[in-house]
Amino acid sequence: MRLTILGGGGFRVPLVVRALRAPSAVGLVDEVVLHDVDAERLRAISNVVREIPGAGPRVGGTTSLDDALRGADVVFSAIRVGSAAGRVADEQVALDLGVLGQETTGAGGVAYALRTLPVATDVARRVAELAPSAWVVNFTNPAGMVTRAMGEVLGERVIGICDSPSGLVRRAALAAGLDPTAVRADYAGLNHLGWLRALWVGDANHLPALLANDGRLASFEEGRLFGPTLPRLLGALPNEYLFYYYCTREAVAAMRAAPATRGMTLAAAQAELYPALAGSSSGALELWEAARRSREEGYLAEARGSGEQRDEADLAGGGYEQVALAVMRAVLTGAPAELILNVRNGSALTQLPPDAVVEVPARVDSGGAHPFTLGPFDAHQLGLVSSMRAVEDATLLAARTGSRSAALQALTVHPLVDSARVAQALLGGYLAAHPQLRALLTKP
């Protein structure tokens, strides 16, 4: 079995290879092919991967997309169109206009999607031609929109993943004194916009008791992030990315007060790290591990108090690489798994259209991902989801047709853009910052 990783020079790729070299994954795939358009990044990550201990698949690399895709049984798509510089611009243009500057949420997420969707669609077409029986596991953000765009070419052979929901469920279950593997979660929403609405063990829902307990809520990341009052008012635990919706003013203030945006910090770190890794004959893994720890400490820093660090217990249990491997194991072996994934809605959430890509629990097997039928959203959840569905529809239309009006509509109706005039300025700023968008958005 052959696994191809697109964006193979990405910082988190060693996590996937390390997971593949764990005893539980031995024999799952025979070969891993790393693909990246940047030869130095590919060489850097190849040096890290070479030092990861354990038995496992052979790992190679190429800058040729066609060579990477031929013969692939599974494709992990983790590309970043525009690289770190694109993220810096996405965040800074928004912050300069007084609105949220975040890479996947808000105006920056729209800009990122507009750059990424045409490339992801082209990749899907190449997969359809060169590896038509391959499964595509999409990590590329904004994951819901990208999964939907690739699915328009490849159908249900595309499955989107994010580690935020599974991490939330695991942490909440442990805080409630439950075995995470024995819990059935009622989680529903869109990517980076969902709520944990129940924690079932048999016929008992343990979430209300957790929400009522200040001490247990304070014992894990989302409980500390939102505090006790908001989850109780909602009757649910929000995904961590909903901090940007429920605490927008505080998030923007913290970002504007910071000496550098998250994108700037990571870009500066990578500009130093990648040449060092690429030129390393030994010690690349140690360098990368130190950078990974530093990177984790800065995640969602705007949501934490001064000097507050992430709790290592919140990070335990694995991240997106474990979700990806669970999906791959299920589709390759047929052994079923239940995971929270980004998949075509079908009839899972009856308030949304069948072609929507939703983030919900699903059963995965050799036939793909099959979402479970869930209860309806409440009025608040449906309102926010519907608003973001309008943003996604307009963004996808703009990427598909090159319409500036559709791109402007996506920015104008976004809940995190508080002025139609600001939306016009945002579009102008992103067109000035990104040549790709100027080339794409050529129609009225």
Protein backbone atom coordinates (compact mmCIF):
# COMPACT_ATOMS: atom_id res chain seq x y z
CA MET A 1 0.00 0.00 0.00
CA ARG A 2 1.25 3.44 -0.93
CA LEU A 3 0.51 6.65 0.99
CA THR A 4 1.20 9.99 -0.68
CA ILE A 5 1.41 13.13 1.47
CA LEU A 6 0.85 16.36 -0.46
CA GLY A 7 2.50 19.19 1.40
CA GLY A 8 5.18 16.71 2.40
CA GLY A 9 7.49 19.51 3.51
CA GLY A 10 4.92 20.65 6.07
CA PHE A 11 5.95 21.06 9.67
CA ARG A 12 3.61 18.40 11.06
CA VAL A 13 4.46 15.65 8.56
CA PRO A 14 6.92 13.96 10.98
CA LEU A 15 3.97 13.36 13.32
CA VAL A 16 2.36 11.20 10.63
CA VAL A 17 5.53 9.23 9.96
CA ARG A 18 6.12 8.71 13.68
CA ALA A 19 2.57 7.41 14.05
CA LEU A 20 3.15 5.03 11.13
CA ARG A 21 6.23 3.67 12.88
CA ALA A 22 4.34 2.88 16.07
CA PRO A 23 3.78 -0.86 16.65
CA SER A 24 0.03 -0.52 16.10
CA ALA A 25 0.55 0.82 12.55
CA VAL A 26 3.27 -1.51 11.31
CA GLY A 27 2.23 -3.09 8.01
CA LEU A 28 -0.56 -0.60 7.32
CA VAL A 29 1.35 0.92 4.37
CA ASP A 30 4.55 -0.16 2.63
CA GLU A 31 5.63 3.16 1.15
CA VAL A 32 5.22 6.85 1.95
CA VAL A 33 5.85 9.46 -0.74
CA LEU A 34 6.31 13.06 0.38
CA HIS A 35 5.44 15.66 -2.24
CA ASP A 36 6.18 19.37 -1.99
CA VAL A 37 6.71 22.14 -4.51
CA ASP A 38 9.51 23.56 -2.32
CA ALA A 39 12.62 21.38 -2.61
CA GLU A 40 14.31 22.85 0.49
CA ARG A 41 11.28 22.19 2.69
CA LEU A 42 11.05 18.67 1.32
CA ARG A 43 14.73 18.04 2.06
CA ALA A 44 14.36 19.50 5.58
CA ILE A 45 11.44 17.28 6.56
CA SER A 46 13.06 14.26 4.89
CA ASN A 47 16.05 14.78 7.19
CA VAL A 48 13.76 14.82 10.23
CA VAL A 49 11.84 11.75 9.11
CA ARG A 50 15.07 9.82 8.52
CA GLU A 51 15.88 10.06 12.25
CA ILE A 52 12.50 8.92 13.56
CA PRO A 53 13.05 5.53 15.23
CA GLY A 54 11.05 2.39 14.69
CA ALA A 55 10.17 -0.01 11.92
CA GLY A 56 7.80 1.15 9.27
CA PRO A 57 7.30 2.05 5.63
CA ARG A 58 10.07 3.35 3.43
CA VAL A 59 9.84 7.10 2.85
CA GLY A 60 10.76 8.97 -0.32
CA GLY A 61 10.17 12.42 -1.72
CA THR A 62 9.49 14.19 -4.99
CA THR A 63 8.58 17.63 -6.32
CA SER A 64 6.56 16.07 -9.16
CA LEU A 65 2.86 15.88 -8.37
CA ASP A 66 2.18 13.28 -11.04
CA ASP A 67 4.98 11.02 -9.82
CA ALA A 68 3.67 11.34 -6.26
CA LEU A 69 0.11 10.42 -7.21
CA ARG A 70 0.72 7.48 -9.55
CA GLY A 71 0.01 4.23 -7.73
CA ALA A 72 -1.24 5.92 -4.56
CA ASP A 73 -3.80 4.03 -2.49
CA VAL A 74 -4.31 6.88 -0.04
CA VAL A 75 -3.52 10.58 -0.46
CA PHE A 76 -3.15 12.90 2.52
CA SER A 77 -3.64 16.47 1.31
CA ALA A 78 -1.99 19.04 3.58
CA ILE A 79 -1.02 21.87 1.26
CA ARG A 80 -0.57 25.55 2.15
CA VAL A 81 -1.09 27.74 -0.90
CA GLY A 82 0.88 30.96 -0.55
CA SER A 83 3.10 29.49 2.19
CA ALA A 84 3.77 31.36 5.44
CA ALA A 85 3.87 34.73 3.69
CA GLY A 86 0.27 34.24 2.55
CA ARG A 87 -0.83 33.60 6.12
CA VAL A 88 0.95 36.71 7.34
CA ALA A 89 -0.94 38.83 4.80
CA ASP A 90 -4.28 37.15 5.55
CA GLU A 91 -3.97 38.00 9.23
CA GLN A 92 -2.44 41.46 8.91
CA VAL A 93 -4.86 42.87 6.32
CA ALA A 94 -7.75 42.02 8.64
CA LEU A 95 -6.11 43.35 11.80
CA ASP A 96 -5.17 46.61 10.07
CA LEU A 97 -8.89 47.12 9.44
CA GLY A 98 -9.84 46.30 13.02
CA VAL A 99 -11.35 42.86 12.46
CA LEU A 100 -10.21 39.39 13.47
CA GLY A 101 -6.92 38.34 11.90
CA GLN A 102 -6.83 34.54 12.02
CA GLU A 103 -5.77 32.10 9.31
CA THR A 104 -8.91 29.94 9.02
CA THR A 105 -11.58 31.97 10.82
CA GLY A 106 -13.02 35.29 9.73
CA ALA A 107 -11.80 37.33 6.78
CA GLY A 108 -8.43 35.58 6.75
CA GLY A 109 -10.16 32.25 6.31
CA VAL A 110 -12.03 33.57 3.27
CA ALA A 111 -8.79 34.84 1.71
CA TYR A 112 -7.03 31.57 2.45
CA ALA A 113 -9.89 29.60 0.91
CA LEU A 114 -9.98 31.75 -2.23
CA ARG A 115 -6.30 31.03 -2.83
CA THR A 116 -6.55 27.35 -1.93
CA LEU A 117 -9.77 26.10 -3.52
CA PRO A 118 -8.64 26.32 -7.18
CA VAL A 119 -5.41 24.48 -6.36
CA ALA A 120 -7.25 21.80 -4.35
CA THR A 121 -9.66 21.31 -7.24
CA ASP A 122 -6.77 20.89 -9.67
CA VAL A 123 -5.19 18.34 -7.33
CA ALA A 124 -8.48 16.43 -7.19
CA ARG A 125 -8.56 16.30 -10.98
CA ARG A 126 -5.03 14.87 -11.06
CA VAL A 127 -6.01 12.26 -8.45
CA ALA A 128 -9.04 11.32 -10.57
CA GLU A 129 -6.79 10.79 -13.57
CA LEU A 130 -3.73 9.17 -11.99
CA ALA A 131 -5.09 7.38 -8.90
CA PRO A 132 -8.85 7.04 -9.41
CA SER A 133 -9.27 4.37 -6.73
CA ALA A 134 -7.32 6.29 -4.08
CA TRP A 135 -8.90 7.66 -0.93
CA VAL A 136 -8.14 11.32 -0.19
CA VAL A 137 -7.89 12.42 3.42
CA ASN A 138 -7.96 16.21 3.48
CA PHE A 139 -6.16 18.18 6.18
CA THR A 140 -5.94 21.38 4.13
CA ASN A 141 -7.74 24.33 5.69
CA PRO A 142 -10.39 25.64 5.60
CA ALA A 143 -11.10 21.92 5.78
CA GLY A 144 -14.85 21.99 5.20
CA MET A 145 -14.69 24.12 2.07
CA VAL A 146 -11.67 22.31 0.65
CA THR A 147 -13.27 18.91 1.28
CA ARG A 148 -16.42 20.08 -0.48
CA ALA A 149 -14.49 21.39 -3.50
CA MET A 150 -12.45 18.20 -3.85
CA GLY A 151 -15.60 16.13 -3.37
CA GLU A 152 -17.19 17.83 -6.37
CA VAL A 153 -14.51 16.05 -8.43
CA LEU A 154 -13.92 12.84 -6.47
CA GLY A 155 -17.27 12.25 -4.79
CA GLU A 156 -17.29 10.56 -1.41
CA ARG A 157 -13.71 9.29 -1.75
CA VAL A 158 -12.68 12.54 -0.03
CA ILE A 159 -12.87 12.66 3.78
CA GLY A 160 -11.94 15.79 5.71
CA ILE A 161 -10.34 15.69 9.13
CA CYS A 162 -9.62 18.05 12.01
CA ASP A 163 -8.32 17.11 15.43
CA SER A 164 -10.19 19.82 17.38
CA PRO A 165 -13.49 17.90 17.83
CA SER A 166 -11.89 14.61 18.85
CA GLY A 167 -9.59 16.47 21.24
CA LEU A 168 -12.56 18.26 22.79
CA VAL A 169 -14.48 14.99 23.26
CA ARG A 170 -11.49 13.25 24.80
CA ARG A 171 -10.76 16.09 27.22
CA ALA A 172 -14.40 16.50 28.22
CA ALA A 173 -14.81 12.76 28.78
CA LEU A 174 -11.76 12.60 31.02
CA ALA A 175 -12.93 15.65 32.96
CA ALA A 176 -16.26 13.91 33.50
CA GLY A 177 -14.46 10.82 34.81
CA LEU A 178 -15.29 8.72 31.75
CA ASP A 179 -13.32 6.45 29.49
CA PRO A 180 -13.08 8.39 26.18
CA THR A 181 -13.24 5.14 24.20
CA ALA A 182 -16.60 4.27 25.81
CA VAL A 183 -18.26 7.63 25.11
CA ARG A 184 -20.70 8.35 22.28
CA ALA A 185 -20.47 12.05 21.46
CA ASP A 186 -23.23 14.23 20.06
CA TYR A 187 -21.07 16.75 18.23
CA ALA A 188 -22.39 18.80 15.32
CA GLY A 189 -21.44 21.77 13.19
CA LEU A 190 -19.12 22.87 10.45
CA ASN A 191 -15.34 22.75 10.52
CA HIS A 192 -14.06 25.09 13.26
CA LEU A 193 -17.68 25.86 14.16
CA GLY A 194 -19.25 23.08 16.21
CA TRP A 195 -20.59 22.14 19.62
CA LEU A 196 -20.34 19.10 21.85
CA ARG A 197 -24.01 18.69 22.85
CA ALA A 198 -23.99 15.42 24.79
CA LEU A 199 -21.64 12.79 26.21
CA TRP A 200 -23.49 9.49 26.20
CA VAL A 201 -22.53 6.30 27.98
CA GLY A 202 -25.41 3.93 27.41
CA ASP A 203 -28.60 5.89 28.10
CA ALA A 204 -26.94 8.44 30.38
CA ASN A 205 -25.83 11.88 29.18
CA HIS A 206 -22.92 13.04 31.37
CA LEU A 207 -22.49 16.50 29.85
CA PRO A 208 -24.99 18.38 32.10
CA ALA A 209 -23.16 17.23 35.24
CA LEU A 210 -19.84 18.29 33.74
CA LEU A 211 -21.19 21.73 32.84
CA ALA A 212 -22.48 22.16 36.39
CA ASN A 213 -19.10 21.48 38.01
CA ASP A 214 -16.72 24.47 38.12
CA GLY A 215 -13.75 22.39 39.17
CA ARG A 216 -14.12 19.81 36.43
CA LEU A 217 -14.64 22.52 33.78
CA ALA A 218 -11.44 24.24 34.90
CA SER A 219 -9.49 21.00 34.48
CA PHE A 220 -9.31 21.07 30.67
CA GLU A 221 -8.62 23.50 27.86
CA GLU A 222 -12.09 24.38 26.54
CA GLY A 223 -13.48 24.67 30.05
CA ARG A 224 -10.80 27.20 30.95
CA LEU A 225 -11.10 28.93 27.58
CA PHE A 226 -14.82 29.69 27.85
CA GLY A 227 -15.28 29.64 31.63
CA PRO A 228 -18.32 28.09 33.32
CA THR A 229 -21.01 30.65 32.41
CA LEU A 230 -21.04 30.44 28.60
CA PRO A 231 -21.20 26.63 28.28
CA ARG A 232 -24.04 26.56 30.82
CA LEU A 233 -25.96 29.21 28.90
CA LEU A 234 -25.45 27.25 25.67
CA GLY A 235 -26.03 23.84 27.21
CA ALA A 236 -23.03 22.68 25.18
CA LEU A 237 -19.25 22.87 24.97
CA PRO A 238 -18.09 24.93 21.99
CA ASN A 239 -15.18 23.98 19.76
CA GLU A 240 -12.13 26.05 20.68
CA TYR A 241 -12.39 28.07 17.45
CA LEU A 242 -15.73 29.46 18.62
CA PHE A 243 -13.69 31.61 21.00
CA TYR A 244 -13.32 33.94 18.04
CA TYR A 245 -17.11 34.28 17.76
CA TYR A 246 -18.04 34.43 21.44
CA CYS A 247 -15.08 36.61 22.49
CA THR A 248 -14.37 38.54 19.30
CA ARG A 249 -13.57 41.87 20.97
CA GLU A 250 -11.10 40.27 23.36
CA ALA A 251 -9.45 38.20 20.62
CA VAL A 252 -8.97 41.20 18.31
CA ALA A 253 -7.62 43.34 21.15
CA ALA A 254 -5.14 40.64 22.16
CA MET A 255 -3.98 40.15 18.58
CA ARG A 256 -3.53 43.87 17.96
CA ALA A 257 -1.62 44.28 21.23
CA ALA A 258 0.76 41.42 20.47
CA PRO A 259 4.21 42.31 19.11
CA ALA A 260 3.63 40.00 16.12
CA THR A 261 0.80 37.99 14.64
CA ARG A 262 0.80 34.22 14.91
CA GLY A 263 1.65 34.03 11.22
CA MET A 264 4.61 36.40 11.62
CA THR A 265 5.94 34.41 14.56
CA LEU A 266 5.71 31.11 12.70
CA ALA A 267 7.15 32.58 9.49
CA ALA A 268 10.18 33.93 11.35
CA ALA A 269 10.68 30.61 13.14
CA GLN A 270 10.41 28.62 9.90
CA ALA A 271 12.78 30.94 8.07
CA GLU A 272 15.42 29.94 10.62
CA LEU A 273 14.41 26.33 11.16
CA TYR A 274 14.01 24.97 7.63
CA PRO A 275 17.50 25.90 6.33
CA ALA A 276 18.97 24.38 9.49
CA LEU A 277 17.00 21.18 8.99
CA ALA A 278 17.78 21.03 5.28
CA GLY A 279 21.51 21.35 5.94
CA SER A 280 21.59 18.96 8.88
CA SER A 281 23.45 15.68 8.67
CA SER A 282 22.32 14.73 12.19
CA GLY A 283 20.21 16.16 14.99
CA ALA A 284 17.34 17.24 12.72
CA LEU A 285 14.75 15.39 14.81
CA GLU A 286 15.91 17.11 17.99
CA LEU A 287 15.74 20.53 16.33
CA TRP A 288 12.27 19.81 15.03
CA GLU A 289 11.04 18.54 18.43
CA ALA A 290 12.15 21.74 20.12
CA ALA A 291 10.37 23.81 17.47
CA ARG A 292 7.23 21.69 17.84
CA ARG A 293 7.07 22.29 21.58
CA SER A 294 7.49 26.02 21.09
CA ARG A 295 4.82 26.05 18.41
CA GLU A 296 2.32 24.21 20.62
CA GLU A 297 2.86 26.71 23.44
CA GLY A 298 1.86 29.60 21.16
CA TYR A 299 -1.35 28.00 19.84
CA LEU A 300 -4.44 30.14 20.63
CA ALA A 301 -2.21 32.36 22.77
CA GLU A 302 -4.66 35.27 22.39
CA ALA A 303 -7.20 33.26 24.40
CA ARG A 304 -4.93 32.75 27.41
CA GLY A 305 -3.76 35.07 30.14
CA SER A 306 -0.24 36.47 30.28
CA GLY A 307 2.25 33.70 31.00
CA GLU A 308 -0.40 30.96 30.85
CA GLN A 309 0.79 27.85 29.01
CA ARG A 310 -1.11 24.96 27.48
CA ASP A 311 -1.54 21.99 29.78
CA GLU A 312 0.43 18.97 28.51
CA ALA A 313 -2.48 16.75 29.59
CA ASP A 314 -4.67 18.56 27.06
CA LEU A 315 -2.25 17.64 24.29
CA ALA A 316 -1.99 13.96 25.15
CA GLY A 317 -3.71 11.35 23.06
CA GLY A 318 -2.47 12.44 19.67
CA GLY A 319 -3.66 14.98 17.16
CA TYR A 320 -4.67 15.05 13.53
CA GLU A 321 -2.18 12.33 12.61
CA GLN A 322 -4.05 9.82 14.79
CA VAL A 323 -7.38 10.76 13.22
CA ALA A 324 -5.85 10.42 9.75
CA LEU A 325 -4.39 7.00 10.49
CA ALA A 326 -7.69 5.81 11.94
CA VAL A 327 -9.45 6.86 8.72
CA MET A 328 -6.79 5.18 6.59
CA ARG A 329 -6.91 1.95 8.57
CA ALA A 330 -10.69 1.78 8.23
CA VAL A 331 -10.84 2.38 4.47
CA LEU A 332 -7.92 0.04 3.72
CA THR A 333 -8.82 -2.84 6.03
CA GLY A 334 -12.57 -2.47 6.40
CA ALA A 335 -12.28 -2.59 10.21
CA PRO A 336 -14.85 0.04 11.23
CA ALA A 337 -14.01 3.15 13.22
CA GLU A 338 -16.22 5.89 14.66
CA LEU A 339 -14.72 9.36 14.25
CA ILE A 340 -15.79 12.99 14.00
CA LEU A 341 -15.11 13.97 10.39
CA ASN A 342 -15.88 16.49 7.67
CA VAL A 343 -18.18 14.66 5.28
CA ARG A 344 -21.09 15.20 2.94
CA ASN A 345 -24.18 15.79 5.07
CA GLY A 346 -26.68 13.57 3.30
CA SER A 347 -29.43 13.20 5.90
CA ALA A 348 -27.26 13.55 9.03
CA LEU A 349 -28.49 17.07 9.84
CA THR A 350 -31.91 17.57 8.31
CA GLN A 351 -31.79 21.37 8.69
CA LEU A 352 -28.91 21.55 6.18
CA PRO A 353 -28.86 20.55 2.50
CA PRO A 354 -27.53 17.11 1.54
CA ASP A 355 -24.49 18.53 -0.28
CA ALA A 356 -23.26 20.54 2.72
CA VAL A 357 -19.99 19.34 4.25
CA VAL A 358 -20.58 19.00 7.98
CA GLU A 359 -18.40 18.03 10.93
CA VAL A 360 -20.18 15.16 12.66
CA PRO A 361 -19.60 11.65 14.05
CA ALA A 362 -19.39 9.05 11.31
CA ARG A 363 -18.74 5.35 10.85
CA VAL A 364 -15.80 4.68 8.54
CA ASP A 365 -15.18 1.41 6.73
CA SER A 366 -14.00 0.20 3.33
CA GLY A 367 -16.97 1.99 1.76
CA GLY A 368 -15.98 5.37 3.17
CA ALA A 369 -17.48 7.60 5.83
CA HIS A 370 -21.15 7.27 6.79
CA PRO A 371 -22.40 10.09 9.04
CA PHE A 372 -24.79 9.30 11.85
CA THR A 373 -28.20 10.95 11.97
CA LEU A 374 -28.22 13.64 14.64
CA GLY A 375 -30.79 15.76 16.42
CA PRO A 376 -31.51 19.30 15.19
CA PHE A 377 -29.54 22.42 15.99
CA ASP A 378 -31.10 24.83 18.42
CA ALA A 379 -31.99 28.30 17.08
CA HIS A 380 -28.64 29.85 18.00
CA GLN A 381 -26.56 27.03 16.52
CA LEU A 382 -28.62 26.95 13.33
CA GLY A 383 -28.33 30.71 12.91
CA LEU A 384 -24.55 30.72 13.18
CA VAL A 385 -24.16 27.62 11.01
CA SER A 386 -26.48 29.08 8.37
CA SER A 387 -24.52 32.34 8.32
CA MET A 388 -21.29 30.47 7.76
CA ARG A 389 -22.91 28.27 5.13
CA ALA A 390 -23.69 31.47 3.20
CA VAL A 391 -20.03 32.50 3.52
CA GLU A 392 -18.88 29.10 2.26
CA ASP A 393 -21.30 29.11 -0.68
CA ALA A 394 -20.17 32.55 -1.80
CA THR A 395 -16.48 31.70 -1.37
CA LEU A 396 -16.82 28.49 -3.37
CA LEU A 397 -18.69 30.37 -6.10
CA ALA A 398 -15.98 33.02 -6.26
CA ALA A 399 -13.24 30.39 -6.51
CA ARG A 400 -15.15 28.47 -9.17
CA THR A 401 -16.15 31.44 -11.36
CA GLY A 402 -13.65 34.20 -10.57
CA SER A 403 -16.42 36.54 -9.44
CA ARG A 404 -15.30 39.51 -7.33
CA SER A 405 -18.92 40.11 -6.34
CA ALA A 406 -19.13 36.62 -4.85
CA ALA A 407 -15.87 37.17 -2.97
CA LEU A 408 -17.17 40.48 -1.64
CA GLN A 409 -20.41 38.82 -0.62
CA ALA A 410 -18.49 36.19 1.37
CA LEU A 411 -16.65 38.89 3.29
CA THR A 412 -19.73 41.10 3.73
CA VAL A 413 -22.00 38.44 5.24
CA HIS A 414 -19.33 36.93 7.48
CA PRO A 415 -20.40 37.21 11.15
CA LEU A 416 -16.88 38.37 12.08
CA VAL A 417 -16.82 41.26 9.58
CA ASP A 418 -18.86 44.01 11.19
CA SER A 419 -19.23 46.47 8.30
CA ALA A 420 -20.00 46.24 4.59
CA ARG A 421 -17.54 49.09 4.01
CA VAL A 422 -14.86 47.16 5.86
CA ALA A 423 -15.62 44.13 3.67
CA GLN A 424 -14.90 46.25 0.57
CA ALA A 425 -11.63 47.41 2.11
CA LEU A 426 -10.74 43.81 3.01
CA LEU A 427 -11.23 42.65 -0.55
CA GLY A 428 -9.07 45.51 -1.81
CA GLY A 429 -6.38 44.69 0.73
CA TYR A 430 -6.33 41.00 -0.16
CA LEU A 431 -6.22 41.72 -3.90
CA ALA A 432 -3.24 43.99 -3.31
CA ALA A 433 -1.49 41.42 -1.10
CA HIS A 434 -2.08 38.28 -3.18
CA PRO A 435 -1.22 38.02 -6.89
CA GLN A 436 -3.10 34.70 -6.95
CA LEU A 437 -6.34 36.48 -6.08
CA ARG A 438 -5.81 39.17 -8.69
CA ALA A 439 -5.34 36.40 -11.25
CA LEU A 440 -8.40 34.51 -10.00
CA LEU A 441 -10.96 37.25 -9.41
CA THR A 442 -11.13 38.76 -12.89
CA LYS A 443 -14.92 38.88 -13.33
CA PRO A 444 -17.42 41.35 -11.85
